[in-house]
Protein backbone atom coordinates (compact mmCIF):
# COMPACT_ATOMS: atom_id res chain seq x y z
CA MET A 1 0.00 0.00 0.00
CA SER A 2 2.81 2.35 0.79
CA SER A 3 4.68 1.69 -2.45
CA PRO A 4 2.40 3.84 -4.72
CA CYS A 5 2.52 6.65 -2.19
CA CYS A 6 6.32 6.51 -2.13
CA LEU A 7 6.40 6.66 -5.92
CA VAL A 8 4.11 9.70 -5.93
CA GLU A 9 6.22 11.40 -3.25
CA CYS A 10 9.41 10.68 -5.20
CA ALA A 11 7.86 12.05 -8.39
CA VAL A 12 6.73 15.22 -6.60
CA CYS A 13 10.16 15.67 -5.00
CA LEU A 14 11.91 15.17 -8.34
CA GLY A 15 9.58 17.66 -10.02
CA CYS A 16 10.12 20.25 -7.29
CA SER A 17 13.87 19.68 -7.35
CA ARG A 18 13.93 20.15 -11.12
CA TRP A 19 11.94 23.40 -10.79
CA VAL A 20 14.25 24.69 -8.04
CA TRP A 21 17.32 23.78 -10.12
CA LYS A 22 15.96 25.59 -13.18
CA ARG A 23 14.93 28.66 -11.20
CA CYS A 24 18.26 28.88 -9.38
CA ARG A 25 20.20 28.58 -12.66
CA TYR A 26 18.04 31.18 -14.40
CA VAL A 27 19.93 34.45 -14.77
CA GLY A 28 18.96 37.79 -16.25
CA GLY A 29 20.98 37.17 -19.40
CA ASP A 30 18.73 34.23 -20.33
CA ASP A 31 15.93 36.66 -21.24
CA SER A 32 17.90 38.13 -24.14
CA GLU A 33 20.38 35.39 -25.09
CA THR A 34 19.06 35.20 -28.68
CA TRP A 35 18.84 38.96 -29.26
CA PRO A 36 21.26 40.85 -31.54
CA PHE A 37 23.69 43.38 -30.10
CA ALA A 38 22.87 47.09 -30.07
CA THR A 39 24.96 49.52 -32.08
CA PRO A 40 26.70 52.54 -30.50
CA GLU A 41 24.63 54.95 -32.63
CA GLU A 42 21.30 53.81 -31.20
CA PHE A 43 22.59 53.30 -27.64
CA GLU A 44 24.56 56.57 -27.40
CA PRO A 45 21.75 58.76 -25.93
CA ILE A 46 21.10 56.42 -23.00
CA PRO A 47 24.01 57.35 -20.67
CA ARG A 48 23.25 61.01 -21.40
CA VAL A 49 19.59 60.75 -20.38
CA CYS A 50 20.60 58.77 -17.26
CA ARG A 51 22.80 61.70 -16.23
CA ALA A 52 19.94 64.11 -16.91
CA ILE A 53 17.71 62.10 -14.56
CA LEU A 54 20.45 62.09 -11.92
CA ALA A 55 20.72 65.88 -12.29
CA ILE A 56 17.18 66.18 -10.87
CA TYR A 57 18.55 64.99 -7.53
CA GLU A 58 21.08 67.85 -7.46
CA ASP A 59 20.36 71.20 -5.82
CA ASP A 60 23.08 72.92 -7.85
CA LEU A 61 24.53 71.41 -11.03
CA ALA A 62 27.58 73.64 -10.70
CA ASN A 63 28.38 71.94 -7.36
CA PRO A 64 26.87 68.44 -7.66
CA ARG A 65 26.87 65.80 -4.93
CA VAL A 66 25.67 62.63 -6.66
CA LEU A 67 28.27 62.56 -9.46
CA PRO A 68 31.33 64.73 -10.17
CA ALA A 69 30.59 67.84 -12.23
CA SER A 70 32.71 66.47 -15.10
CA ALA A 71 30.57 63.32 -15.24
CA TYR A 72 27.30 65.14 -15.97
CA ARG A 73 28.60 66.86 -19.11
CA MET A 74 25.62 69.21 -18.84
CA ASN A 75 25.62 72.99 -19.16
CA PRO A 76 23.66 74.51 -16.23
CA ALA A 77 22.82 77.49 -18.47
CA TRP A 78 20.84 75.19 -20.78
CA VAL A 79 18.49 74.03 -18.00
CA VAL A 80 15.13 75.55 -18.96
CA LYS A 81 13.22 74.54 -15.84
CA ARG A 82 13.50 72.44 -12.70
CA ALA A 83 10.46 71.43 -10.66
CA GLY A 84 10.52 69.84 -7.23
CA TYR A 85 7.74 68.41 -5.08
CA GLU A 86 6.68 71.89 -3.96
CA SER A 87 6.04 72.80 -7.62
CA THR A 88 4.29 69.59 -8.67
CA GLY A 89 2.04 69.48 -5.61
CA GLY A 90 2.30 65.68 -5.59
CA CYS A 91 0.67 65.36 -9.03
CA ALA A 92 3.91 64.18 -10.65
CA PRO A 93 7.49 63.34 -9.62
CA PRO A 94 10.11 66.12 -9.83
CA TYR A 95 11.36 66.79 -13.36
CA LEU A 96 13.80 68.83 -15.41
CA ILE A 97 13.60 70.40 -18.89
CA TYR A 98 16.94 70.72 -20.64
CA ALA A 99 17.73 72.18 -24.07
CA ASP A 100 20.79 70.22 -25.17
CA HIS A 101 22.17 72.36 -27.99
CA GLU A 102 25.19 70.08 -28.41
CA SER A 103 23.02 67.03 -29.16
CA ARG A 104 20.23 69.15 -30.71
CA ASP A 105 17.71 67.68 -28.30
CA ILE A 106 14.93 68.99 -26.04
CA LEU A 107 14.82 66.71 -23.02
CA LEU A 108 12.19 66.33 -20.29
CA ALA A 109 13.57 64.03 -17.57
CA ILE A 110 11.51 62.65 -14.65
CA ARG A 111 12.98 61.18 -11.48
CA GLY A 112 12.04 57.86 -9.89
CA LEU A 113 10.14 56.91 -6.76
CA ASN A 114 11.01 58.68 -3.53
CA LEU A 115 10.38 56.17 -0.75
CA ALA A 116 10.08 59.01 1.76
CA ASN A 117 7.47 61.00 -0.19
CA GLU A 118 3.79 60.24 0.28
CA SER A 119 2.67 61.82 -3.00
CA ASP A 120 4.60 59.26 -5.07
CA TYR A 121 2.68 56.48 -3.36
CA LYS A 122 -0.59 58.24 -4.17
CA VAL A 123 0.30 58.15 -7.86
CA LEU A 124 1.08 54.41 -7.59
CA LEU A 125 -2.03 53.55 -5.60
CA ASP A 126 -4.38 55.38 -7.97
CA ASN A 127 -4.98 52.31 -10.09
CA ARG A 128 -6.82 49.05 -10.38
CA LEU A 129 -5.70 46.39 -12.87
CA GLY A 130 -7.77 46.61 -16.03
CA LYS A 131 -9.57 49.72 -14.79
CA GLN A 132 -10.30 51.28 -18.19
CA MET A 133 -9.21 51.13 -21.80
CA PHE A 134 -6.92 53.75 -23.33
CA ASP A 135 -5.88 53.97 -26.98
CA GLY A 136 -7.15 50.44 -27.55
CA GLY A 137 -5.28 48.98 -24.58
CA PHE A 138 -4.88 49.26 -20.82
CA VAL A 139 -2.56 51.56 -18.88
CA HIS A 140 -1.75 52.46 -15.28
CA HIS A 141 -4.39 55.01 -14.24
CA GLY A 142 -2.31 57.10 -11.81
CA LEU A 143 0.66 57.35 -14.18
CA LEU A 144 -1.63 58.48 -17.01
CA LYS A 145 -3.16 61.22 -14.86
CA SER A 146 0.33 62.32 -13.87
CA ALA A 147 1.32 62.47 -17.56
CA PHE A 148 -1.67 64.67 -18.38
CA TRP A 149 -0.88 67.01 -15.49
CA LEU A 150 2.72 67.32 -16.65
CA LEU A 151 1.64 68.00 -20.23
CA ASN A 152 -0.78 70.70 -19.11
CA GLN A 153 1.98 72.36 -17.09
CA GLU A 154 4.81 72.11 -19.61
CA GLY A 155 3.05 71.72 -22.95
CA PRO A 156 3.41 75.45 -23.82
CA THR A 157 7.11 75.36 -22.85
CA LEU A 158 7.75 72.34 -25.07
CA GLU A 159 5.80 73.93 -27.93
CA ARG A 160 7.92 77.08 -27.62
CA LEU A 161 11.22 75.19 -27.53
CA ILE A 162 10.30 73.11 -30.58
CA SER A 163 9.33 76.26 -32.49
CA GLU A 164 12.53 78.05 -31.48
CA HIS A 165 14.76 75.10 -32.37
CA PRO A 166 13.50 73.45 -35.57
CA GLY A 167 15.24 70.19 -36.32
CA TYR A 168 15.79 69.30 -32.64
CA THR A 169 14.53 65.97 -31.32
CA LEU A 170 12.04 65.81 -28.44
CA THR A 171 13.03 63.30 -25.76
CA PHE A 172 11.13 62.12 -22.69
CA ALA A 173 13.06 60.12 -20.10
CA GLY A 174 12.27 58.70 -16.68
CA HIS A 175 13.48 56.21 -14.12
CA SER A 176 11.27 53.68 -12.32
CA LEU A 177 8.05 55.56 -11.44
CA GLY A 178 9.10 58.38 -13.78
CA SER A 179 9.58 55.94 -16.64
CA GLY A 180 5.87 55.10 -16.63
CA VAL A 181 4.92 58.78 -16.67
CA ALA A 182 7.40 59.47 -19.50
CA ALA A 183 6.15 56.52 -21.59
CA LEU A 184 2.48 57.51 -21.33
CA LEU A 185 3.38 61.15 -21.91
CA THR A 186 5.07 60.05 -25.14
CA VAL A 187 1.95 58.16 -26.28
CA VAL A 188 -0.19 61.28 -25.89
CA VAL A 189 2.34 63.58 -27.61
CA VAL A 190 2.83 61.17 -30.54
CA ASN A 191 -0.92 61.27 -31.17
CA HIS A 192 -1.07 65.10 -30.93
CA ARG A 193 2.00 66.08 -32.90
CA HIS A 194 0.05 68.79 -34.70
CA ARG A 195 0.00 70.59 -31.34
CA PHE A 196 3.82 70.59 -31.28
CA SER A 197 4.62 72.31 -34.56
CA GLY A 198 3.90 69.10 -36.47
CA ILE A 199 7.09 67.45 -35.21
CA PRO A 200 7.64 64.15 -37.10
CA ARG A 201 7.15 60.91 -35.18
CA GLU A 202 10.74 59.85 -35.84
CA ARG A 203 12.00 62.90 -33.91
CA ILE A 204 10.08 61.95 -30.75
CA ARG A 205 11.83 59.52 -28.40
CA CYS A 206 11.29 58.10 -24.95
CA TYR A 207 13.85 56.32 -22.77
CA ALA A 208 12.29 54.37 -19.91
CA ILE A 209 15.14 53.49 -17.51
CA ALA A 210 14.41 50.50 -15.24
CA PRO A 211 10.83 50.71 -16.55
CA ALA A 212 7.65 50.08 -14.66
CA ARG A 213 5.04 47.90 -16.34
CA CYS A 214 2.59 50.59 -17.39
CA MET A 215 0.80 49.52 -20.60
CA SER A 216 -0.75 46.43 -22.19
CA LEU A 217 1.17 44.34 -24.69
CA ASN A 218 -0.47 45.75 -27.82
CA LEU A 219 0.52 49.30 -26.82
CA ALA A 220 4.02 48.22 -25.78
CA VAL A 221 4.60 46.81 -29.28
CA LYS A 222 2.71 49.56 -31.14
CA TYR A 223 4.96 52.32 -29.78
CA ALA A 224 8.21 50.37 -29.89
CA ASP A 225 9.55 52.69 -32.59
CA VAL A 226 9.54 55.69 -30.22
CA ILE A 227 9.74 54.17 -26.70
CA HIS A 228 12.93 52.42 -25.56
CA SER A 229 13.22 50.52 -22.27
CA VAL A 230 16.64 50.09 -20.65
CA ILE A 231 17.06 47.18 -18.22
CA LEU A 232 20.16 46.27 -16.24
CA GLN A 233 20.70 42.51 -15.86
CA ASP A 234 18.39 41.18 -13.08
CA ASP A 235 16.20 44.25 -12.37
CA PHE A 236 12.98 43.05 -10.74
CA LEU A 237 10.55 45.82 -11.76
CA PRO A 238 10.24 45.15 -15.53
CA ARG A 239 9.85 41.43 -14.82
CA THR A 240 6.84 41.34 -12.51
CA ALA A 241 3.31 41.96 -13.68
CA THR A 242 2.30 42.42 -10.04
CA PRO A 243 0.62 45.85 -9.84
CA LEU A 244 2.99 48.64 -8.82
CA GLU A 245 0.88 49.51 -5.83
CA ASP A 246 1.24 45.97 -4.44
CA ILE A 247 5.00 46.01 -4.99
CA PHE A 248 5.62 49.23 -3.14
CA LYS A 249 3.13 48.48 -0.37
CA SER A 250 5.36 45.45 0.28
CA ILE A 251 8.66 47.30 -0.20
CA PHE A 252 10.01 46.24 3.19
CA CYS A 253 9.25 42.60 2.49
CA LEU A 254 10.12 42.76 -1.20
CA PRO A 255 12.28 39.58 -1.39
CA CYS A 256 9.40 37.51 0.01
CA LEU A 257 6.94 39.06 -2.44
CA LEU A 258 9.25 38.48 -5.42
CA PHE A 259 9.70 34.82 -4.44
CA LEU A 260 5.92 34.30 -4.24
CA VAL A 261 5.42 36.09 -7.58
CA CYS A 262 8.10 33.86 -9.09
CA LEU A 263 6.24 30.76 -7.89
CA ARG A 264 2.92 32.04 -9.22
CA ASP A 265 4.10 33.21 -12.65
CA THR A 266 5.99 29.96 -13.30
CA CYS A 267 2.69 28.09 -13.18
CA ILE A 268 0.85 30.41 -15.60
CA PRO A 269 1.03 29.23 -19.26
CA GLU A 270 2.55 31.70 -21.73
CA GLY A 271 -0.56 31.66 -23.92
CA ARG A 272 -2.77 32.66 -21.02
CA LYS A 273 -0.52 35.63 -20.26
CA LEU A 274 -0.61 36.80 -23.88
CA ARG A 275 -4.40 36.58 -24.08
CA ASP A 276 -4.93 38.67 -20.94
CA PRO A 277 -5.65 42.21 -22.27
CA ARG A 278 -5.26 43.75 -18.79
CA ARG A 279 -1.76 42.43 -18.14
CA LEU A 280 0.71 45.33 -18.13
CA TYR A 281 4.21 45.23 -19.64
CA ALA A 282 7.37 47.29 -19.83
CA PRO A 283 6.96 49.57 -22.87
CA GLY A 284 8.59 49.63 -26.28
CA ARG A 285 11.89 48.27 -27.59
CA MET A 286 14.13 46.61 -24.99
CA TYR A 287 17.82 47.32 -24.39
CA HIS A 288 19.18 44.73 -21.98
CA ILE A 289 22.56 45.42 -20.35
CA VAL A 290 24.08 42.03 -19.45
CA GLU A 291 27.12 41.86 -17.17
CA ARG A 292 26.81 38.60 -15.19
CA LYS A 293 26.67 34.97 -16.26
CA CYS A 294 25.39 31.77 -14.71
CA CYS A 295 27.76 30.15 -12.20
CA ARG A 296 30.32 32.93 -12.75
CA CYS A 297 31.32 35.31 -9.97
CA GLY A 298 31.64 39.06 -10.35
CA ARG A 299 30.75 41.50 -13.10
CA PHE A 300 31.96 41.07 -16.67
CA PRO A 301 32.39 43.73 -19.35
CA PRO A 302 28.77 44.72 -20.12
CA GLU A 303 27.17 43.96 -23.46
CA VAL A 304 23.88 45.42 -24.72
CA ARG A 305 21.30 43.32 -26.54
CA THR A 306 18.17 44.72 -28.13
CA ALA A 307 14.88 43.47 -29.58
CA ILE A 308 11.12 44.06 -29.61
CA PRO A 309 9.96 40.86 -27.91
CA VAL A 310 6.31 39.85 -27.94
CA ASP A 311 6.17 36.45 -26.26
CA GLY A 312 8.64 35.85 -23.43
CA ARG A 313 8.82 39.58 -22.74
CA PHE A 314 10.76 39.58 -19.44
CA GLU A 315 8.20 37.31 -17.80
CA HIS A 316 10.41 35.55 -15.24
CA ILE A 317 11.59 36.95 -11.92
CA VAL A 318 15.30 36.30 -11.41
CA LEU A 319 16.10 34.92 -7.95
CA SER A 320 19.18 37.06 -7.50
CA CYS A 321 20.69 39.16 -4.73
CA ASN A 322 21.10 41.87 -7.39
CA ALA A 323 17.41 42.03 -8.35
CA THR A 324 16.92 45.28 -6.40
CA SER A 325 20.39 46.82 -6.72
CA ASP A 326 20.19 46.55 -10.54
CA HIS A 327 17.23 48.92 -10.33
CA GLY A 328 19.41 51.83 -9.18
CA ILE A 329 19.86 54.69 -11.64
CA ILE A 330 23.51 55.25 -10.61
CA TRP A 331 24.45 51.65 -11.45
CA ILE A 332 22.55 51.81 -14.74
CA GLU A 333 24.31 55.03 -15.79
CA LYS A 334 27.71 53.61 -14.90
CA GLU A 335 27.23 50.31 -16.75
CA ALA A 336 25.57 51.99 -19.75
CA GLN A 337 28.50 54.36 -20.18
CA LYS A 338 30.97 51.50 -19.81
CA ALA A 339 29.06 49.46 -22.42
CA LEU A 340 28.96 52.42 -24.82
CA ASP A 341 32.71 53.02 -24.45
CA MET A 342 33.38 49.36 -25.21
CA MET A 343 31.15 49.48 -28.31
CA LYS A 344 33.01 52.50 -29.63
CA GLU A 345 36.38 50.87 -28.95
CA GLY A 346 35.23 47.80 -30.87
CA LEU A 347 34.24 49.94 -33.85
CA ALA A 348 37.55 51.80 -33.74
CA ILE A 349 39.44 48.51 -34.03
CA THR A 350 37.26 47.37 -36.94
CA ALA A 351 38.01 48.92 -40.31
CA ALA A 352 34.32 49.54 -41.07
CA PRO A 353 31.13 49.05 -39.04
CA ALA A 354 29.27 45.81 -39.63
CA LYS A 355 26.07 47.76 -40.27
CA LYS A 356 26.01 51.30 -41.53
CA THR A 357 23.62 53.76 -39.92
CA MET A 358 21.12 53.71 -42.78
CA THR A 359 21.11 49.91 -42.91
CA ARG A 360 20.59 49.72 -39.16
CA GLN A 361 17.64 52.14 -39.35
CA GLN A 362 16.04 49.94 -41.99
CA THR A 363 16.62 46.90 -39.78
CA ILE A 364 14.97 48.63 -36.80
CA GLN A 365 11.93 49.46 -38.93
CA GLU A 366 11.70 45.85 -40.11
CA GLU A 367 11.95 44.58 -36.51
CA HIS A 368 9.07 46.83 -35.50
CA LYS A 369 6.96 45.61 -38.43
CA ASP A 370 7.75 41.97 -37.57
CA ALA A 371 6.84 42.55 -33.91
CA LEU A 372 3.45 44.03 -34.86
CA GLU A 373 2.70 41.06 -37.11
CA ARG A 374 3.93 38.64 -34.45
CA ALA A 375 1.49 40.17 -31.94
CA VAL A 376 -1.36 39.63 -34.41
CA SER A 377 -0.32 36.01 -35.08
CA LEU A 378 -0.28 35.28 -31.33
CA ASN A 379 -3.82 36.69 -30.98
CA VAL A 380 -2.71 39.44 -28.62
CA PRO A 381 -5.89 41.43 -27.82
CA HIS A 382 -6.27 44.71 -29.75
CA ALA A 383 -3.00 44.15 -31.66
CA VAL A 384 -2.62 46.16 -34.87
CA THR A 385 -0.79 45.29 -38.09
CA SER A 386 1.90 47.48 -39.59
CA SER A 387 -0.53 48.70 -42.30
CA GLU A 388 -3.14 49.72 -39.71
CA GLU A 389 -0.44 51.56 -37.77
CA ALA A 390 0.59 53.45 -40.93
CA VAL A 391 -3.02 54.54 -41.56
CA ALA A 392 -3.42 55.70 -37.97
CA ASP A 393 -0.12 57.53 -38.15
CA ALA A 394 -1.19 59.35 -41.31
CA GLY A 395 -4.50 60.33 -39.74
CA ALA A 396 -2.78 61.77 -36.68
CA ILE A 397 -0.97 64.47 -38.69
CA VAL A 398 -3.83 65.74 -40.85
CA GLN A 399 -3.70 69.00 -38.91
CA SER A 400 -0.18 70.29 -39.44
CA LYS A 401 -0.76 73.52 -37.52
CA PRO A 402 -2.40 73.94 -34.10
CA GLU A 403 -5.78 75.63 -33.98
CA GLY A 404 -5.01 77.72 -30.95
CA ARG A 405 -3.28 76.55 -27.80
CA ILE A 406 -4.64 73.31 -26.43
CA ASN A 407 -5.70 73.05 -22.81
CA TRP A 408 -4.62 69.57 -21.78
CA GLU A 409 -6.99 69.70 -18.82
CA GLU A 410 -9.88 70.01 -21.29
CA LEU A 411 -8.54 67.00 -23.18
CA ALA A 412 -8.32 65.11 -19.90
CA GLN A 413 -11.95 66.02 -19.18
CA ARG A 414 -12.94 64.43 -22.50
CA LEU A 415 -11.02 61.30 -21.51
CA PHE A 416 -12.03 61.12 -17.85
CA ASP A 417 -15.23 61.07 -15.82
CA LYS A 418 -15.56 61.85 -12.13
CA ASP A 419 -16.67 59.18 -9.70
CA GLU A 420 -18.79 59.68 -6.60
CA ALA A 421 -15.73 60.74 -4.60
CA GLY A 422 -14.81 63.36 -7.20
CA LYS A 423 -11.79 61.45 -8.49
CA LEU A 424 -10.99 61.20 -12.19
CA VAL A 425 -11.67 57.84 -13.83
CA LEU A 426 -11.07 57.01 -17.48
CA LYS A 427 -14.09 56.75 -19.74
CA LYS A 428 -14.71 53.41 -21.37
CA ASP A 429 -13.27 52.63 -24.81
CA VAL A 430 -11.73 56.08 -25.18
CA ALA A 431 -9.13 56.73 -27.89
CA VAL A 432 -6.05 58.75 -27.05
CA ALA A 433 -6.02 60.46 -30.45
CA GLU A 434 -9.53 61.82 -29.92
């Protein structure tokens, strides 16, 4: 009688042991092991925007405390505006607007979560998974409201800078909490380019550093040509679909929460994840900085891999002691700059680059088209094909000149309703390009 029970127990033990072995051997580099390497041309802005985000933490850029003044490579005279918590009133994280005349770029950088500030938690907690649709998908409600507030405050400033500096790119960047605000801000601006001097879509960029999962899969793929997520090795935040509010409510017991999430997500089939329209993902194209390998101690020279993944999009928590430290903006800036320097040294040794800039741009466009079609083939809810995206893109720029200055609060009122408590809630089935 006991023999069958022993066999069952042995089978269960073997199965659990196999799962534990696989999970313990799983490292961050496994997520991107088949991806191609990034080129220095496309990766070059990333260390610069990381330094711009770090500059928000400084009281005086002429006498910085976080990094040496020489490391920032920023001209304090080109800072257009800085806003702290007293200016935002808790509606958005602190931010900085910088007119980089050397790189011909207008940059709006947003800092990450401040664990000691209550208003940041209010932005995170203002959400419920699958609350409402937005632009044919789902987004984080609090981050979207924060993006609209920021646009209403700084929209006229951005319009003026774009008009004064034709030919400049418009870049939004953020870290952690700020990355979600920057990504959703980019979605709104891309769909209202006629309000920003008709700036072409290819001159709008977003860099989400250590990104929060803030939009559904169809939106993450749809805007992969303008939004770029940067992830350092084992960073936990882009890998867990657990709502942000649950993560940061459990911040002091984060390792326990990550372990439980790892157990849960391992048992969910990939197809079920893809078919869930409410599941949120890190946005856009991925740049994965890999510097550690399985069963190898210490950090190795970093390499950067890039792709627009649809299935297997950073779905597995890495059981690593570096899962939280890899989330730090200082570490990301340091490793990104080191990786960029190594890429440039490699090109200097080579007689000619393997892919010229024009060829690489064509490859990036093809990758985006393939990702859109892959999302459709996998039956991702609300996915669009490349042809549908082209039609929508053409329709968004019918008005090349603004008909008066837009009030982004009025636009928000068309997108939101008020509940019984007076709080803004998104209307059902609303389109961002309304």
